[in-house]
């Protein structure tokens, strides 16, 4: 979206090129995450066997169906799209003109695309493309997901068990279980009733070390 291409819809790799990349990565035991906005590029990547699509802003119905059929993970990064669009509205000269047009057009579509995808039971994992907005705002993504029709519990799952599965490390991540990393976030309230409570953590532990709460 933030490159100098005209509208972000053009595919930059052939399906054969993507397939070669995927095969090489798989030979090394690695998944393949694909940054893609345009429908044609997304479809090529899915057919070539990528593990996940990041952004997926301009997915059409065929791309969504392919993603559901192939169980390709979808990492929507709604916050990224909204943030670049909002930045462009507030500061019209922040991006070069060709990027500004795309930021307003593509950025405003990501949430609606996400809404269509979850209706087709596409597998979703949490991700935010942190870097195009102020750090520490990542949890806003939960609210954007629920606004588009995902239930609060499913939104939470995208950042826990789903993300762990996508990363290929479900044995260590994604749940509060004996033997897994002690990564814990606690909030004052019930996020199933008010998802915005996740933006106001009261306690944060990473790998057993407390970073927020208990006097820190």
N, C-alpha and C. Protein backbone atom coordinates (compact mmCIF):
# COMPACT_ATOMS: atom_id res chain seq x y z
N UNK A 1 0.82 -1.20 0.00
CA UNK A 1 0.00 0.00 0.00
C UNK A 1 0.86 1.26 0.00
N UNK A 2 1.99 1.21 0.72
CA UNK A 2 2.80 2.41 0.87
C UNK A 2 3.97 2.47 -0.11
N UNK A 3 3.92 1.64 -1.17
CA UNK A 3 4.93 1.77 -2.20
C UNK A 3 4.42 2.73 -3.27
N UNK A 4 5.15 2.86 -4.37
CA UNK A 4 4.79 3.84 -5.39
C UNK A 4 3.99 3.25 -6.54
N UNK A 5 3.50 2.01 -6.38
CA UNK A 5 2.65 1.44 -7.42
C UNK A 5 1.34 2.21 -7.51
N UNK A 6 0.66 2.09 -8.64
CA UNK A 6 -0.50 2.94 -8.92
C UNK A 6 -1.66 2.73 -7.96
N UNK A 7 -2.07 1.46 -7.80
CA UNK A 7 -3.28 1.25 -6.99
C UNK A 7 -3.21 0.05 -6.04
N UNK A 8 -2.08 -0.63 -6.00
CA UNK A 8 -1.93 -1.75 -5.06
C UNK A 8 -2.58 -3.04 -5.49
N UNK A 9 -3.17 -3.06 -6.69
CA UNK A 9 -3.88 -4.27 -7.12
C UNK A 9 -3.02 -5.19 -7.98
N UNK A 10 -1.91 -4.70 -8.47
CA UNK A 10 -1.09 -5.49 -9.39
C UNK A 10 -0.30 -6.58 -8.68
N UNK A 11 -0.24 -7.75 -9.31
CA UNK A 11 0.56 -8.85 -8.76
C UNK A 11 2.02 -8.67 -9.17
N UNK A 12 2.94 -8.94 -8.27
CA UNK A 12 4.36 -8.71 -8.52
C UNK A 12 5.14 -9.99 -8.76
N UNK A 13 4.54 -11.14 -8.50
CA UNK A 13 5.19 -12.42 -8.73
C UNK A 13 4.25 -13.33 -9.50
N UNK A 14 4.81 -14.18 -10.32
CA UNK A 14 4.01 -15.21 -10.98
C UNK A 14 3.71 -16.31 -9.97
N UNK A 15 2.72 -17.12 -10.27
CA UNK A 15 2.41 -18.23 -9.37
C UNK A 15 3.58 -19.20 -9.29
N UNK A 16 4.28 -19.40 -10.40
CA UNK A 16 5.43 -20.31 -10.42
C UNK A 16 6.54 -19.79 -9.51
N UNK A 17 6.77 -18.48 -9.53
CA UNK A 17 7.79 -17.90 -8.66
C UNK A 17 7.42 -18.08 -7.19
N UNK A 18 6.16 -17.84 -6.87
CA UNK A 18 5.73 -18.00 -5.48
C UNK A 18 5.84 -19.46 -5.05
N UNK A 19 5.46 -20.36 -5.95
CA UNK A 19 5.53 -21.79 -5.64
C UNK A 19 6.97 -22.22 -5.34
N UNK A 20 7.91 -21.66 -6.09
CA UNK A 20 9.32 -21.99 -5.86
C UNK A 20 9.78 -21.48 -4.49
N UNK A 21 9.33 -20.28 -4.14
CA UNK A 21 9.67 -19.72 -2.83
C UNK A 21 9.09 -20.59 -1.71
N UNK A 22 7.82 -20.97 -1.87
CA UNK A 22 7.15 -21.79 -0.86
C UNK A 22 7.85 -23.14 -0.70
N UNK A 23 8.18 -23.77 -1.82
CA UNK A 23 8.83 -25.07 -1.76
C UNK A 23 10.18 -24.98 -1.07
N UNK A 24 10.95 -23.95 -1.41
CA UNK A 24 12.25 -23.77 -0.78
C UNK A 24 12.10 -23.55 0.72
N UNK A 25 11.15 -22.71 1.12
CA UNK A 25 10.92 -22.47 2.54
C UNK A 25 10.50 -23.74 3.26
N UNK A 26 9.60 -24.48 2.65
CA UNK A 26 9.13 -25.72 3.27
C UNK A 26 10.25 -26.75 3.38
N UNK A 27 11.16 -26.77 2.41
CA UNK A 27 12.30 -27.67 2.50
C UNK A 27 13.17 -27.35 3.71
N UNK A 28 13.14 -26.09 4.12
CA UNK A 28 13.90 -25.65 5.29
C UNK A 28 13.07 -25.64 6.57
N UNK A 29 11.84 -26.16 6.46
CA UNK A 29 10.97 -26.23 7.62
C UNK A 29 10.38 -24.91 8.04
N UNK A 30 10.23 -24.00 7.07
CA UNK A 30 9.74 -22.66 7.39
C UNK A 30 8.40 -22.39 6.74
N UNK A 31 7.50 -21.69 7.43
CA UNK A 31 6.24 -21.26 6.81
C UNK A 31 6.49 -20.04 5.92
N UNK A 32 5.49 -19.65 5.16
CA UNK A 32 5.61 -18.47 4.29
C UNK A 32 4.45 -17.53 4.55
N UNK A 33 4.78 -16.33 5.01
CA UNK A 33 3.80 -15.27 5.19
C UNK A 33 3.87 -14.35 3.98
N UNK A 34 2.72 -14.04 3.42
CA UNK A 34 2.68 -13.25 2.18
C UNK A 34 1.98 -11.92 2.40
N UNK A 35 2.73 -10.84 2.25
CA UNK A 35 2.16 -9.49 2.29
C UNK A 35 1.46 -9.26 0.95
N UNK A 36 0.16 -9.11 0.98
CA UNK A 36 -0.58 -8.96 -0.28
C UNK A 36 -1.84 -8.14 -0.07
N UNK A 37 -2.08 -7.22 -0.98
CA UNK A 37 -3.30 -6.41 -0.96
C UNK A 37 -4.25 -6.78 -2.11
N UNK A 38 -3.70 -6.95 -3.31
CA UNK A 38 -4.51 -7.16 -4.50
C UNK A 38 -5.04 -8.57 -4.63
N UNK A 39 -6.24 -8.70 -5.20
CA UNK A 39 -6.91 -10.00 -5.30
C UNK A 39 -6.12 -11.00 -6.12
N UNK A 40 -5.57 -10.59 -7.25
CA UNK A 40 -4.85 -11.53 -8.11
C UNK A 40 -3.61 -12.07 -7.43
N UNK A 41 -2.84 -11.20 -6.79
CA UNK A 41 -1.66 -11.66 -6.07
C UNK A 41 -2.01 -12.59 -4.94
N UNK A 42 -3.11 -12.30 -4.24
CA UNK A 42 -3.56 -13.15 -3.14
C UNK A 42 -3.92 -14.54 -3.65
N UNK A 43 -4.63 -14.60 -4.76
CA UNK A 43 -5.05 -15.90 -5.30
C UNK A 43 -3.85 -16.71 -5.77
N UNK A 44 -2.90 -16.05 -6.40
CA UNK A 44 -1.68 -16.76 -6.82
C UNK A 44 -0.95 -17.33 -5.60
N UNK A 45 -0.85 -16.52 -4.55
CA UNK A 45 -0.13 -16.96 -3.36
C UNK A 45 -0.83 -18.13 -2.68
N UNK A 46 -2.15 -18.08 -2.60
CA UNK A 46 -2.89 -19.17 -1.98
C UNK A 46 -2.71 -20.46 -2.77
N UNK A 47 -2.87 -20.37 -4.09
CA UNK A 47 -2.71 -21.56 -4.93
C UNK A 47 -1.30 -22.12 -4.84
N UNK A 48 -0.32 -21.24 -4.61
CA UNK A 48 1.08 -21.68 -4.52
C UNK A 48 1.43 -22.26 -3.15
N UNK A 49 0.51 -22.15 -2.19
CA UNK A 49 0.69 -22.84 -0.91
C UNK A 49 1.26 -22.02 0.22
N UNK A 50 1.13 -20.68 0.18
CA UNK A 50 1.63 -19.90 1.31
C UNK A 50 0.86 -20.24 2.58
N UNK A 51 1.50 -19.99 3.70
CA UNK A 51 0.89 -20.30 4.98
C UNK A 51 -0.15 -19.26 5.38
N UNK A 52 0.16 -17.99 5.12
CA UNK A 52 -0.74 -16.92 5.54
C UNK A 52 -0.69 -15.75 4.58
N UNK A 53 -1.79 -15.02 4.57
CA UNK A 53 -1.90 -13.76 3.83
C UNK A 53 -2.01 -12.64 4.84
N UNK A 54 -1.10 -11.69 4.76
CA UNK A 54 -1.13 -10.51 5.61
C UNK A 54 -1.78 -9.35 4.85
N UNK A 55 -2.73 -8.72 5.43
CA UNK A 55 -3.52 -7.60 4.90
C UNK A 55 -4.73 -8.11 4.12
N UNK A 56 -4.53 -8.61 2.90
CA UNK A 56 -5.65 -9.14 2.12
C UNK A 56 -6.71 -8.11 1.79
N UNK A 57 -6.31 -6.86 1.71
CA UNK A 57 -7.26 -5.75 1.67
C UNK A 57 -8.30 -5.85 0.56
N UNK A 58 -7.88 -6.22 -0.64
CA UNK A 58 -8.77 -6.19 -1.80
C UNK A 58 -9.21 -7.58 -2.24
N UNK A 59 -9.26 -8.52 -1.31
CA UNK A 59 -9.71 -9.87 -1.64
C UNK A 59 -11.10 -9.84 -2.25
N UNK A 60 -11.27 -10.61 -3.31
CA UNK A 60 -12.61 -10.76 -3.87
C UNK A 60 -13.21 -12.07 -3.38
N UNK A 61 -14.41 -12.39 -3.83
CA UNK A 61 -15.10 -13.59 -3.34
C UNK A 61 -14.33 -14.86 -3.69
N UNK A 62 -13.72 -14.89 -4.87
CA UNK A 62 -12.95 -16.08 -5.25
C UNK A 62 -11.76 -16.27 -4.33
N UNK A 63 -11.07 -15.19 -3.99
CA UNK A 63 -9.92 -15.28 -3.10
C UNK A 63 -10.34 -15.78 -1.72
N UNK A 64 -11.46 -15.28 -1.22
CA UNK A 64 -11.95 -15.72 0.09
C UNK A 64 -12.29 -17.21 0.05
N UNK A 65 -12.94 -17.66 -1.01
CA UNK A 65 -13.28 -19.07 -1.14
C UNK A 65 -12.03 -19.94 -1.21
N UNK A 66 -11.01 -19.48 -1.95
CA UNK A 66 -9.75 -20.22 -2.03
C UNK A 66 -9.09 -20.31 -0.66
N UNK A 67 -9.12 -19.21 0.06
CA UNK A 67 -8.50 -19.18 1.37
C UNK A 67 -9.20 -20.16 2.32
N UNK A 68 -10.52 -20.18 2.28
CA UNK A 68 -11.26 -21.11 3.14
C UNK A 68 -10.99 -22.56 2.73
N UNK A 69 -10.99 -22.82 1.44
CA UNK A 69 -10.77 -24.18 0.93
C UNK A 69 -9.39 -24.71 1.29
N UNK A 70 -8.37 -23.86 1.16
CA UNK A 70 -6.99 -24.27 1.40
C UNK A 70 -6.56 -24.08 2.85
N UNK A 71 -7.47 -23.57 3.68
CA UNK A 71 -7.19 -23.31 5.10
C UNK A 71 -5.96 -22.42 5.27
N UNK A 72 -5.85 -21.46 4.39
CA UNK A 72 -4.79 -20.47 4.48
C UNK A 72 -5.13 -19.48 5.59
N UNK A 73 -4.17 -19.16 6.41
CA UNK A 73 -4.41 -18.22 7.49
C UNK A 73 -4.53 -16.80 6.94
N UNK A 74 -5.36 -16.01 7.58
CA UNK A 74 -5.59 -14.62 7.21
C UNK A 74 -5.24 -13.73 8.40
N UNK A 75 -4.30 -12.83 8.19
CA UNK A 75 -3.89 -11.87 9.23
C UNK A 75 -4.30 -10.48 8.73
N UNK A 76 -5.46 -9.97 9.13
CA UNK A 76 -6.06 -8.83 8.46
C UNK A 76 -5.41 -7.47 8.71
N UNK A 77 -4.82 -7.26 9.88
CA UNK A 77 -4.19 -5.96 10.21
C UNK A 77 -5.13 -4.79 9.95
N UNK A 78 -6.34 -4.86 10.47
CA UNK A 78 -7.31 -3.80 10.25
C UNK A 78 -6.78 -2.46 10.77
N UNK A 79 -6.11 -2.51 11.90
CA UNK A 79 -5.61 -1.27 12.50
C UNK A 79 -4.63 -0.56 11.58
N UNK A 80 -3.84 -1.32 10.83
CA UNK A 80 -2.88 -0.70 9.92
C UNK A 80 -3.60 0.08 8.83
N UNK A 81 -4.62 -0.53 8.24
CA UNK A 81 -5.36 0.15 7.19
C UNK A 81 -6.06 1.39 7.69
N UNK A 82 -6.71 1.25 8.86
CA UNK A 82 -7.40 2.41 9.42
C UNK A 82 -6.41 3.53 9.78
N UNK A 83 -5.24 3.14 10.28
CA UNK A 83 -4.28 4.14 10.73
C UNK A 83 -3.72 4.96 9.57
N UNK A 84 -3.35 4.28 8.48
CA UNK A 84 -2.78 5.05 7.35
C UNK A 84 -3.86 5.92 6.70
N UNK A 85 -5.10 5.42 6.68
CA UNK A 85 -6.19 6.23 6.14
C UNK A 85 -6.44 7.44 7.02
N UNK A 86 -6.45 7.24 8.34
CA UNK A 86 -6.69 8.35 9.27
C UNK A 86 -5.56 9.37 9.21
N UNK A 87 -4.32 8.87 9.10
CA UNK A 87 -3.17 9.78 8.99
C UNK A 87 -3.29 10.65 7.75
N UNK A 88 -3.72 10.05 6.64
CA UNK A 88 -3.85 10.79 5.39
C UNK A 88 -4.94 11.85 5.50
N UNK A 89 -6.04 11.51 6.19
CA UNK A 89 -7.12 12.49 6.35
C UNK A 89 -6.66 13.67 7.20
N UNK A 90 -5.92 13.37 8.26
CA UNK A 90 -5.48 14.43 9.17
C UNK A 90 -4.33 15.25 8.58
N UNK A 91 -3.47 14.57 7.82
CA UNK A 91 -2.28 15.24 7.27
C UNK A 91 -2.19 14.91 5.77
N UNK A 92 -2.93 15.61 4.95
CA UNK A 92 -3.02 15.29 3.52
C UNK A 92 -1.67 15.25 2.80
N UNK A 93 -0.67 15.94 3.31
CA UNK A 93 0.63 15.98 2.65
C UNK A 93 1.64 15.02 3.27
N UNK A 94 1.18 14.16 4.18
CA UNK A 94 2.11 13.25 4.87
C UNK A 94 2.73 12.26 3.90
N UNK A 95 1.92 11.69 3.01
CA UNK A 95 2.40 10.74 2.01
C UNK A 95 2.46 11.42 0.64
N UNK A 96 3.33 10.92 -0.27
CA UNK A 96 3.28 11.39 -1.65
C UNK A 96 1.88 11.14 -2.22
N UNK A 97 1.43 11.93 -3.20
CA UNK A 97 0.06 11.82 -3.71
C UNK A 97 -0.36 10.41 -4.12
N UNK A 98 0.51 9.67 -4.81
CA UNK A 98 0.13 8.34 -5.27
C UNK A 98 -0.13 7.39 -4.09
N UNK A 99 0.62 7.58 -3.01
CA UNK A 99 0.42 6.75 -1.82
C UNK A 99 -0.81 7.22 -1.04
N UNK A 100 -1.01 8.50 -0.97
CA UNK A 100 -2.15 9.04 -0.23
C UNK A 100 -3.48 8.52 -0.78
N UNK A 101 -3.59 8.46 -2.10
CA UNK A 101 -4.82 7.95 -2.72
C UNK A 101 -5.06 6.51 -2.31
N UNK A 102 -4.00 5.70 -2.34
CA UNK A 102 -4.13 4.29 -1.95
C UNK A 102 -4.44 4.14 -0.47
N UNK A 103 -3.80 4.97 0.35
CA UNK A 103 -4.02 4.88 1.79
C UNK A 103 -5.49 5.12 2.13
N UNK A 104 -6.10 6.08 1.46
CA UNK A 104 -7.51 6.37 1.71
C UNK A 104 -8.41 5.28 1.15
N UNK A 105 -8.07 4.77 -0.02
CA UNK A 105 -8.92 3.78 -0.69
C UNK A 105 -8.77 2.40 -0.08
N UNK A 106 -7.54 1.91 -0.03
CA UNK A 106 -7.31 0.55 0.46
C UNK A 106 -7.49 0.47 1.96
N UNK A 107 -6.96 1.45 2.67
CA UNK A 107 -7.04 1.40 4.13
C UNK A 107 -8.45 1.32 4.66
N UNK A 108 -9.36 1.97 3.96
CA UNK A 108 -10.74 1.99 4.43
C UNK A 108 -11.50 0.72 4.08
N UNK A 109 -10.91 -0.16 3.27
CA UNK A 109 -11.60 -1.38 2.85
C UNK A 109 -11.28 -2.61 3.68
N UNK A 110 -10.18 -2.56 4.43
CA UNK A 110 -9.70 -3.77 5.11
C UNK A 110 -10.73 -4.34 6.07
N UNK A 111 -11.40 -3.50 6.83
CA UNK A 111 -12.36 -3.99 7.82
C UNK A 111 -13.55 -4.68 7.14
N UNK A 112 -14.05 -4.11 6.04
CA UNK A 112 -15.16 -4.73 5.32
C UNK A 112 -14.74 -6.05 4.70
N UNK A 113 -13.52 -6.11 4.19
CA UNK A 113 -13.01 -7.36 3.63
C UNK A 113 -12.95 -8.44 4.70
N UNK A 114 -12.48 -8.05 5.87
CA UNK A 114 -12.42 -8.98 7.00
C UNK A 114 -13.81 -9.52 7.33
N UNK A 115 -14.80 -8.64 7.35
CA UNK A 115 -16.16 -9.06 7.65
C UNK A 115 -16.67 -10.11 6.69
N UNK A 116 -16.35 -9.95 5.40
CA UNK A 116 -16.78 -10.94 4.41
C UNK A 116 -16.04 -12.25 4.60
N UNK A 117 -14.77 -12.17 4.95
CA UNK A 117 -13.96 -13.38 5.09
C UNK A 117 -14.42 -14.25 6.25
N UNK A 118 -14.74 -13.64 7.39
CA UNK A 118 -15.13 -14.46 8.53
C UNK A 118 -16.48 -15.13 8.31
N UNK A 119 -17.30 -14.57 7.45
CA UNK A 119 -18.58 -15.22 7.12
C UNK A 119 -18.36 -16.51 6.35
N UNK A 120 -17.19 -16.65 5.72
CA UNK A 120 -16.85 -17.86 4.97
C UNK A 120 -15.93 -18.77 5.78
N UNK A 121 -15.81 -18.50 7.08
CA UNK A 121 -15.03 -19.34 8.00
C UNK A 121 -13.55 -19.41 7.65
N UNK A 122 -13.01 -18.32 7.13
CA UNK A 122 -11.58 -18.24 6.91
C UNK A 122 -10.87 -18.22 8.26
N UNK A 123 -9.77 -18.94 8.37
CA UNK A 123 -9.02 -18.97 9.62
C UNK A 123 -8.27 -17.65 9.82
N UNK A 124 -8.41 -17.07 11.00
CA UNK A 124 -7.85 -15.74 11.26
C UNK A 124 -6.86 -15.80 12.42
N UNK A 125 -5.72 -15.15 12.23
CA UNK A 125 -4.76 -14.96 13.31
C UNK A 125 -4.50 -13.47 13.48
N UNK A 126 -4.17 -13.08 14.69
CA UNK A 126 -4.02 -11.68 15.05
C UNK A 126 -2.67 -11.14 14.57
N UNK A 127 -2.71 -9.96 14.02
CA UNK A 127 -1.48 -9.25 13.63
C UNK A 127 -1.84 -7.82 13.34
N UNK A 128 -0.89 -6.91 13.49
CA UNK A 128 -1.24 -5.50 13.42
C UNK A 128 -0.37 -4.67 12.50
N UNK A 129 0.73 -5.24 11.98
CA UNK A 129 1.64 -4.45 11.13
C UNK A 129 2.13 -3.22 11.90
N UNK A 130 2.46 -3.42 13.18
CA UNK A 130 2.90 -2.30 14.02
C UNK A 130 4.05 -1.57 13.35
N UNK A 131 3.95 -0.25 13.34
CA UNK A 131 4.96 0.56 12.68
C UNK A 131 4.33 1.69 11.89
N UNK A 132 3.05 1.50 11.52
CA UNK A 132 2.35 2.57 10.80
C UNK A 132 1.36 3.29 11.72
N UNK A 133 1.50 3.03 13.02
CA UNK A 133 0.70 3.73 14.02
C UNK A 133 1.49 3.69 15.31
N UNK A 134 1.05 4.40 16.32
CA UNK A 134 1.78 4.49 17.58
C UNK A 134 1.79 3.14 18.29
N UNK A 135 2.96 2.71 18.70
CA UNK A 135 3.08 1.44 19.42
C UNK A 135 2.30 1.50 20.74
N UNK A 136 1.77 0.37 21.12
CA UNK A 136 0.95 0.29 22.32
C UNK A 136 -0.53 0.33 22.03
N UNK A 137 -0.89 0.53 20.77
CA UNK A 137 -2.30 0.60 20.38
C UNK A 137 -2.80 -0.71 19.76
N UNK A 138 -1.96 -1.72 19.77
CA UNK A 138 -2.27 -2.97 19.08
C UNK A 138 -3.63 -3.56 19.42
N UNK A 139 -4.02 -3.44 20.68
CA UNK A 139 -5.26 -4.07 21.14
C UNK A 139 -6.51 -3.46 20.53
N UNK A 140 -6.38 -2.32 19.87
CA UNK A 140 -7.54 -1.76 19.16
C UNK A 140 -8.05 -2.73 18.10
N UNK A 141 -7.16 -3.60 17.62
CA UNK A 141 -7.55 -4.57 16.60
C UNK A 141 -8.71 -5.45 17.06
N UNK A 142 -8.75 -5.78 18.34
CA UNK A 142 -9.86 -6.59 18.86
C UNK A 142 -11.20 -5.90 18.62
N UNK A 143 -11.25 -4.62 18.90
CA UNK A 143 -12.48 -3.88 18.69
C UNK A 143 -12.87 -3.81 17.23
N UNK A 144 -11.89 -3.60 16.36
CA UNK A 144 -12.19 -3.55 14.94
C UNK A 144 -12.71 -4.90 14.44
N UNK A 145 -12.19 -5.98 14.97
CA UNK A 145 -12.66 -7.31 14.59
C UNK A 145 -14.12 -7.52 14.99
N UNK A 146 -14.44 -7.13 16.23
CA UNK A 146 -15.82 -7.34 16.68
C UNK A 146 -16.79 -6.41 15.97
N UNK A 147 -16.35 -5.21 15.62
CA UNK A 147 -17.20 -4.31 14.85
C UNK A 147 -17.59 -4.93 13.51
N UNK A 148 -16.69 -5.74 12.97
CA UNK A 148 -16.93 -6.37 11.66
C UNK A 148 -17.73 -7.66 11.76
N UNK A 149 -18.06 -8.08 12.98
CA UNK A 149 -18.93 -9.25 13.12
C UNK A 149 -18.34 -10.44 13.84
N UNK A 150 -17.08 -10.39 14.24
CA UNK A 150 -16.49 -11.51 14.96
C UNK A 150 -16.87 -11.41 16.44
N UNK A 151 -17.12 -12.54 17.06
CA UNK A 151 -17.47 -12.53 18.49
C UNK A 151 -16.23 -12.20 19.31
N UNK A 152 -16.41 -11.64 20.51
CA UNK A 152 -15.25 -11.32 21.35
C UNK A 152 -14.37 -12.53 21.64
N UNK A 153 -14.97 -13.68 21.93
CA UNK A 153 -14.14 -14.85 22.25
C UNK A 153 -13.33 -15.29 21.04
N UNK A 154 -13.91 -15.22 19.85
CA UNK A 154 -13.15 -15.59 18.66
C UNK A 154 -12.04 -14.57 18.38
N UNK A 155 -12.30 -13.31 18.64
CA UNK A 155 -11.26 -12.29 18.47
C UNK A 155 -10.09 -12.57 19.41
N UNK A 156 -10.39 -12.94 20.64
CA UNK A 156 -9.33 -13.28 21.59
C UNK A 156 -8.57 -14.51 21.12
N UNK A 157 -9.27 -15.47 20.59
CA UNK A 157 -8.62 -16.68 20.08
C UNK A 157 -7.64 -16.37 18.94
N UNK A 158 -7.95 -15.36 18.14
CA UNK A 158 -7.04 -15.03 17.04
C UNK A 158 -5.66 -14.67 17.56
N UNK A 159 -5.60 -14.07 18.75
CA UNK A 159 -4.33 -13.61 19.32
C UNK A 159 -3.68 -14.63 20.25
N UNK A 160 -4.39 -15.73 20.51
CA UNK A 160 -3.86 -16.72 21.45
C UNK A 160 -3.67 -18.06 20.73
N UNK A 161 -4.66 -18.92 20.79
CA UNK A 161 -4.48 -20.26 20.22
C UNK A 161 -4.26 -20.22 18.71
N UNK A 162 -4.95 -19.33 18.01
CA UNK A 162 -4.80 -19.26 16.55
C UNK A 162 -3.41 -18.78 16.16
N UNK A 163 -2.96 -17.71 16.82
CA UNK A 163 -1.63 -17.17 16.52
C UNK A 163 -0.55 -18.20 16.82
N UNK A 164 -0.73 -18.94 17.90
CA UNK A 164 0.25 -19.97 18.26
C UNK A 164 0.32 -21.05 17.19
N UNK A 165 -0.85 -21.44 16.68
CA UNK A 165 -0.88 -22.46 15.62
C UNK A 165 -0.22 -21.95 14.35
N UNK A 166 -0.53 -20.71 13.97
CA UNK A 166 0.08 -20.14 12.78
C UNK A 166 1.60 -20.08 12.91
N UNK A 167 2.09 -19.73 14.09
CA UNK A 167 3.53 -19.64 14.31
C UNK A 167 4.19 -21.01 14.43
N UNK A 168 3.37 -22.05 14.48
CA UNK A 168 3.93 -23.40 14.58
C UNK A 168 4.52 -23.69 15.95
N UNK A 169 4.02 -23.02 16.98
CA UNK A 169 4.59 -23.20 18.31
C UNK A 169 3.49 -23.35 19.35
N UNK A 170 2.45 -24.08 19.01
CA UNK A 170 1.32 -24.27 19.92
C UNK A 170 1.71 -25.04 21.17
N UNK A 171 2.84 -25.75 21.13
CA UNK A 171 3.26 -26.48 22.33
C UNK A 171 3.78 -25.54 23.41
N UNK A 172 4.13 -24.31 23.04
CA UNK A 172 4.67 -23.36 24.01
C UNK A 172 3.81 -22.12 24.21
N UNK A 173 2.98 -21.81 23.22
CA UNK A 173 2.28 -20.53 23.21
C UNK A 173 0.76 -20.70 23.15
N UNK A 174 0.05 -19.63 23.42
CA UNK A 174 -1.36 -19.55 23.08
C UNK A 174 -2.36 -19.93 24.13
N UNK A 175 -1.92 -20.49 25.25
CA UNK A 175 -2.87 -20.90 26.29
C UNK A 175 -2.18 -20.88 27.65
N UNK A 176 -2.99 -20.77 28.70
CA UNK A 176 -2.47 -20.84 30.07
C UNK A 176 -2.49 -22.29 30.51
N UNK A 177 -1.39 -22.98 30.25
CA UNK A 177 -1.29 -24.40 30.57
C UNK A 177 0.08 -24.71 31.13
N UNK A 178 0.14 -25.71 31.98
CA UNK A 178 1.40 -26.15 32.56
C UNK A 178 2.37 -26.54 31.44
N UNK A 179 3.58 -26.02 31.52
CA UNK A 179 4.61 -26.36 30.54
C UNK A 179 4.77 -25.34 29.44
N UNK A 180 3.79 -24.44 29.30
CA UNK A 180 3.91 -23.41 28.28
C UNK A 180 4.53 -22.15 28.88
N UNK A 181 4.97 -21.26 28.00
CA UNK A 181 5.56 -20.01 28.46
C UNK A 181 4.56 -19.24 29.31
N UNK A 182 5.05 -18.62 30.36
CA UNK A 182 4.17 -17.86 31.25
C UNK A 182 3.97 -16.46 30.68
N UNK A 183 3.20 -16.39 29.59
CA UNK A 183 2.84 -15.11 28.97
C UNK A 183 1.40 -14.81 29.35
N UNK A 184 1.19 -13.77 30.17
CA UNK A 184 -0.13 -13.51 30.73
C UNK A 184 -0.45 -12.03 30.64
N UNK A 185 -1.67 -11.72 30.22
CA UNK A 185 -2.20 -10.36 30.28
C UNK A 185 -3.50 -10.43 31.08
N UNK A 186 -3.64 -9.54 32.05
CA UNK A 186 -4.86 -9.49 32.85
C UNK A 186 -5.47 -8.10 32.75
N UNK A 187 -6.80 -8.06 32.73
CA UNK A 187 -7.52 -6.78 32.65
C UNK A 187 -8.55 -6.72 33.76
N UNK A 188 -9.00 -5.52 34.06
CA UNK A 188 -10.01 -5.30 35.09
C UNK A 188 -11.37 -5.23 34.41
N UNK A 189 -12.01 -6.37 34.24
CA UNK A 189 -13.29 -6.42 33.56
C UNK A 189 -13.39 -7.67 32.72
N UNK A 190 -14.51 -7.83 32.07
CA UNK A 190 -14.78 -9.01 31.25
C UNK A 190 -14.73 -8.62 29.78
N UNK A 191 -13.69 -9.00 29.07
CA UNK A 191 -13.59 -8.63 27.65
C UNK A 191 -14.68 -9.26 26.79
N UNK A 192 -15.34 -10.28 27.28
CA UNK A 192 -16.44 -10.86 26.52
C UNK A 192 -17.66 -9.95 26.54
N UNK A 193 -17.70 -9.07 27.54
CA UNK A 193 -18.78 -8.08 27.62
C UNK A 193 -18.35 -6.73 27.06
N UNK A 194 -17.07 -6.42 27.21
CA UNK A 194 -16.52 -5.15 26.72
C UNK A 194 -15.11 -5.40 26.21
N UNK A 195 -14.99 -5.60 24.92
CA UNK A 195 -13.70 -5.96 24.33
C UNK A 195 -12.66 -4.87 24.52
N UNK A 196 -13.10 -3.63 24.75
CA UNK A 196 -12.15 -2.53 24.90
C UNK A 196 -11.33 -2.65 26.18
N UNK A 197 -11.75 -3.51 27.12
CA UNK A 197 -10.94 -3.70 28.33
C UNK A 197 -9.55 -4.21 27.99
N UNK A 198 -9.41 -4.87 26.85
CA UNK A 198 -8.10 -5.38 26.44
C UNK A 198 -7.12 -4.28 26.08
N UNK A 199 -7.62 -3.07 25.88
CA UNK A 199 -6.73 -1.94 25.61
C UNK A 199 -6.21 -1.31 26.90
N UNK A 200 -6.68 -1.83 28.05
CA UNK A 200 -6.29 -1.26 29.34
C UNK A 200 -5.77 -2.35 30.27
N UNK A 201 -4.66 -2.98 29.93
CA UNK A 201 -4.13 -4.07 30.75
C UNK A 201 -3.68 -3.58 32.12
N UNK A 202 -3.93 -4.40 33.13
CA UNK A 202 -3.51 -4.09 34.49
C UNK A 202 -2.31 -4.93 34.92
N UNK A 203 -2.08 -6.00 34.18
CA UNK A 203 -0.99 -6.92 34.55
C UNK A 203 -0.45 -7.54 33.27
N UNK A 204 0.87 -7.54 33.14
CA UNK A 204 1.52 -8.16 31.97
C UNK A 204 2.71 -8.97 32.44
N UNK A 205 2.73 -10.23 32.08
CA UNK A 205 3.86 -11.11 32.37
C UNK A 205 4.34 -11.72 31.06
N UNK A 206 5.64 -11.73 30.85
CA UNK A 206 6.22 -12.33 29.66
C UNK A 206 7.31 -13.30 30.09
N UNK A 207 7.12 -14.57 29.76
CA UNK A 207 8.11 -15.58 30.12
C UNK A 207 8.34 -15.66 31.62
N UNK A 208 7.29 -15.40 32.39
CA UNK A 208 7.40 -15.48 33.84
C UNK A 208 7.87 -14.20 34.51
N UNK A 209 8.27 -13.20 33.74
CA UNK A 209 8.71 -11.93 34.31
C UNK A 209 7.60 -10.91 34.21
N UNK A 210 7.32 -10.24 35.32
CA UNK A 210 6.25 -9.25 35.37
C UNK A 210 6.77 -7.90 34.88
N UNK A 211 6.04 -7.33 33.89
CA UNK A 211 6.41 -6.03 33.34
C UNK A 211 5.41 -4.94 33.72
N UNK A 212 4.22 -5.32 34.10
CA UNK A 212 3.20 -4.35 34.51
C UNK A 212 2.40 -4.98 35.64
N UNK A 213 2.21 -4.20 36.73
CA UNK A 213 1.47 -4.72 37.87
C UNK A 213 2.41 -5.16 38.97
N UNK A 214 1.86 -5.43 40.11
CA UNK A 214 2.62 -5.87 41.28
C UNK A 214 3.81 -4.95 41.57
N UNK A 215 3.56 -3.66 41.49
CA UNK A 215 4.58 -2.69 41.86
C UNK A 215 5.48 -2.27 40.73
N UNK A 216 5.35 -2.85 39.55
CA UNK A 216 6.20 -2.45 38.42
C UNK A 216 5.61 -1.27 37.68
